[in-house]
Structures are given as structure tokens and as C-alpha cells.
Protein backbone atom coordinates (compact mmCIF):
# COMPACT_ATOMS: atom_id res chain seq x y z
CA MET A 1 0.09 0.11 0.26
CA LYS A 2 1.19 3.47 -0.80
CA SER A 3 1.57 5.94 1.88
CA GLN A 4 -0.15 9.30 1.09
CA PRO A 5 2.41 12.19 0.74
CA LYS A 6 2.46 14.36 3.55
CA THR A 7 1.69 17.79 3.53
CA LEU A 8 2.02 20.62 5.68
CA LEU A 9 -1.16 22.26 7.18
CA LYS A 10 -0.96 25.88 7.77
CA THR A 11 -2.42 26.69 11.57
CA GLY A 12 -4.13 29.55 11.81
CA LEU A 13 -5.24 31.90 14.90
CA PRO A 14 -8.11 30.47 16.74
CA ILE A 15 -11.44 31.06 14.63
CA HIS A 16 -12.96 32.79 18.02
CA TRP A 17 -10.18 35.35 18.25
CA ILE A 18 -10.92 36.46 14.43
CA THR A 19 -14.28 36.42 15.16
CA GLU A 20 -14.09 38.92 18.70
CA LEU A 21 -11.45 41.15 16.26
CA PHE A 22 -14.35 41.02 13.83
CA LYS A 23 -16.80 42.37 16.41
CA VAL A 24 -14.73 44.99 17.12
CA PHE A 25 -14.23 46.09 13.44
CA GLN A 26 -18.08 45.97 13.57
CA ALA A 27 -18.71 47.97 16.42
CA ARG A 28 -16.20 50.75 15.20
CA TYR A 29 -16.86 50.89 11.36
CA PHE A 30 -20.54 49.63 11.11
CA ALA A 31 -21.40 48.87 7.16
CA LYS A 32 -17.86 49.92 6.35
CA TRP A 33 -16.79 47.03 7.62
CA THR A 34 -20.18 44.47 7.37
CA ALA A 35 -20.90 45.37 3.66
CA PRO A 36 -17.88 44.06 2.06
CA LEU A 37 -18.11 41.05 3.96
CA GLU A 38 -21.67 40.28 3.20
CA GLY A 39 -21.75 36.25 1.92
CA ILE A 40 -18.16 35.59 2.44
CA GLN A 41 -17.90 36.11 6.52
CA ASP A 42 -16.86 32.54 7.01
CA ARG A 43 -14.45 32.52 4.07
CA ALA A 44 -12.98 36.01 5.37
CA VAL A 45 -12.56 34.58 8.92
CA GLN A 46 -10.62 31.79 7.71
CA GLU A 47 -8.50 34.13 5.62
CA TRP A 48 -7.45 36.61 8.42
CA SER A 49 -6.95 33.54 10.74
CA ASN A 50 -4.15 32.21 8.33
CA GLY A 51 -2.97 35.60 7.33
CA LEU A 52 -2.54 36.66 11.17
CA SER A 53 -1.07 33.08 12.14
CA GLY A 54 1.97 33.60 14.38
CA LEU A 55 0.81 36.72 16.03
CA THR A 56 0.07 36.72 19.90
CA GLY A 57 -2.99 37.94 21.69
CA GLU A 58 -0.89 41.02 22.61
CA GLN A 59 0.20 41.96 19.11
CA LEU A 60 -3.53 41.76 18.20
CA LYS A 61 -4.41 43.86 20.93
CA GLN A 62 -1.51 46.42 19.98
CA GLY A 63 -3.06 46.54 16.54
CA ILE A 64 -6.60 47.22 17.57
CA ASP A 65 -5.25 50.17 19.84
CA LYS A 66 -3.20 51.74 17.39
CA TRP A 67 -5.46 51.24 14.20
CA ASP A 68 -6.56 55.00 14.17
CA SER A 69 -8.43 55.33 11.02
CA ASP A 70 -12.13 55.95 9.82
CA TRP A 71 -11.60 53.12 7.57
CA PRO A 72 -11.40 49.79 8.67
CA PRO A 73 -7.71 47.93 7.90
CA THR A 74 -7.22 45.48 5.01
CA LEU A 75 -5.64 42.36 6.36
CA SER A 76 -2.31 43.22 5.55
CA GLU A 77 -2.71 46.80 7.12
CA PHE A 78 -3.70 45.41 10.11
CA LYS A 79 -1.15 42.87 10.41
CA THR A 80 1.57 45.69 9.61
CA CYS A 81 0.05 47.57 12.60
CA CYS A 82 0.18 44.59 15.00
CA ILE A 83 3.77 43.70 14.42
CA GLY A 84 4.52 47.59 14.95
CA ILE A 85 6.69 47.84 11.72
CA LYS A 86 4.60 50.95 10.31
CA GLU A 87 4.69 54.32 12.07
CA ASP A 88 1.19 55.97 10.08
CA TRP A 89 -1.34 53.50 10.88
CA LYS A 90 -3.60 55.59 8.30
CA HIS A 91 -4.63 53.94 5.05
CA SER A 92 -2.16 54.58 2.52
CA THR A 93 -3.84 53.44 -0.65
CA ALA A 94 -5.41 55.89 -2.87
CA ALA A 95 -8.78 54.77 -2.61
CA TYR A 96 -8.78 56.07 1.28
CA LYS A 97 -7.27 59.41 0.73
CA VAL A 98 -8.94 62.65 0.59
CA ILE A 99 -8.20 65.02 -2.18
CA ASP A 100 -8.74 68.22 -2.98
CA ASN A 101 -10.90 68.35 -5.96
CA SER A 102 -10.40 72.22 -6.38
CA LYS A 103 -7.42 72.11 -8.47
CA ALA A 104 -8.37 69.16 -10.62
CA LEU A 105 -9.70 71.00 -13.36
CA PRO A 106 -9.21 74.76 -13.98
CA ILE A 107 -12.49 77.15 -13.57
CA LEU A 108 -12.94 78.77 -16.82
CA LYS A 109 -14.43 82.43 -16.84
CA ALA A 110 -16.31 83.33 -19.56
CA GLN A 111 -15.67 86.58 -21.17
CA LYS A 112 -18.33 89.11 -19.96
CA LYS A 113 -19.39 89.37 -23.63
CA VAL A 114 -19.71 85.76 -24.42
CA ARG A 115 -21.56 85.29 -21.19
CA ASP A 116 -23.92 88.01 -22.06
CA LYS A 117 -24.65 87.12 -25.33
CA SER A 118 -25.23 83.65 -24.17
CA MET A 119 -27.88 84.84 -21.54
CA ASP A 120 -29.39 86.97 -24.13
CA GLU A 121 -29.85 83.76 -26.30
CA ILE A 122 -31.11 81.79 -23.83
CA LYS A 123 -33.88 84.41 -22.76
CA LYS A 124 -35.00 84.58 -26.11
CA SER A 125 -35.25 81.32 -26.51
CA LEU A 126 -37.28 80.86 -23.35
CA GLY A 127 -39.58 83.93 -24.69
CA LEU A 128 -38.01 86.44 -21.90
CA LYS A 129 -36.64 88.86 -24.00
């Protein structure tokens, strides 16, 4: 009889740790946390369990205490926060950055003559002049 090949199993953090972590994020972020997980919560718990494998309870607590953002973290952001590599715990991705749109496009000011002529045409077409 042939022996089955041995495979290494990746052991994640206890599921109840991740479930409690998710409850903290749900209490902090409401729909920002729960909406993206809708229908995949069990899978997300397993991914986070595996992704945070090797961290201690103290490191998880550090991550929870230090994460100070208006948005919940991604798995990699939270892990980085837990192990204390990054100084700025805010989101670094462009999707979460507030930008100043006032400089995105220049504000064009019509010349007075062009503006007045256009307004006259609009008024005439509406029967106001």
C-alpha cells in the first residue's frame, strides 16, 4: 500500500479570536466593515485566521489599540500595525485618501461679452426677452 504524501497544514489563529476581532471592527465601522463581508464572512474569518498566523494576543491588542482610521484595515495593513513596523497606521492606498478637487480642473471664466450674449440667447429662446 502506498503511503499518502505528507502535506504541511498552515495553522491559523483560533477562529474565536478572529470572530472577536471582527466584532470590534463591526462596532467601530458598522457598514464600512460589514457590507464588504456580506456573504463571505466565514471565508473572511478563515483568511484572517491564516493571514494573522503567528501573532500573539498581545500583538492583536496592539493592532486594535493603534489602528486609528476612519476606514477599517485590510488584512495586510492590520498585520503590519500589529507587529509595529509602520509608524502611520492610516490607510496608505489612494482609495482612502481625501483629495483637494479644487485643483483638478481649472475654473474657466467666460468673457463678459460671450457670457452676456449666451444669456441673451437663452432668454430669447425662453421668450423672456
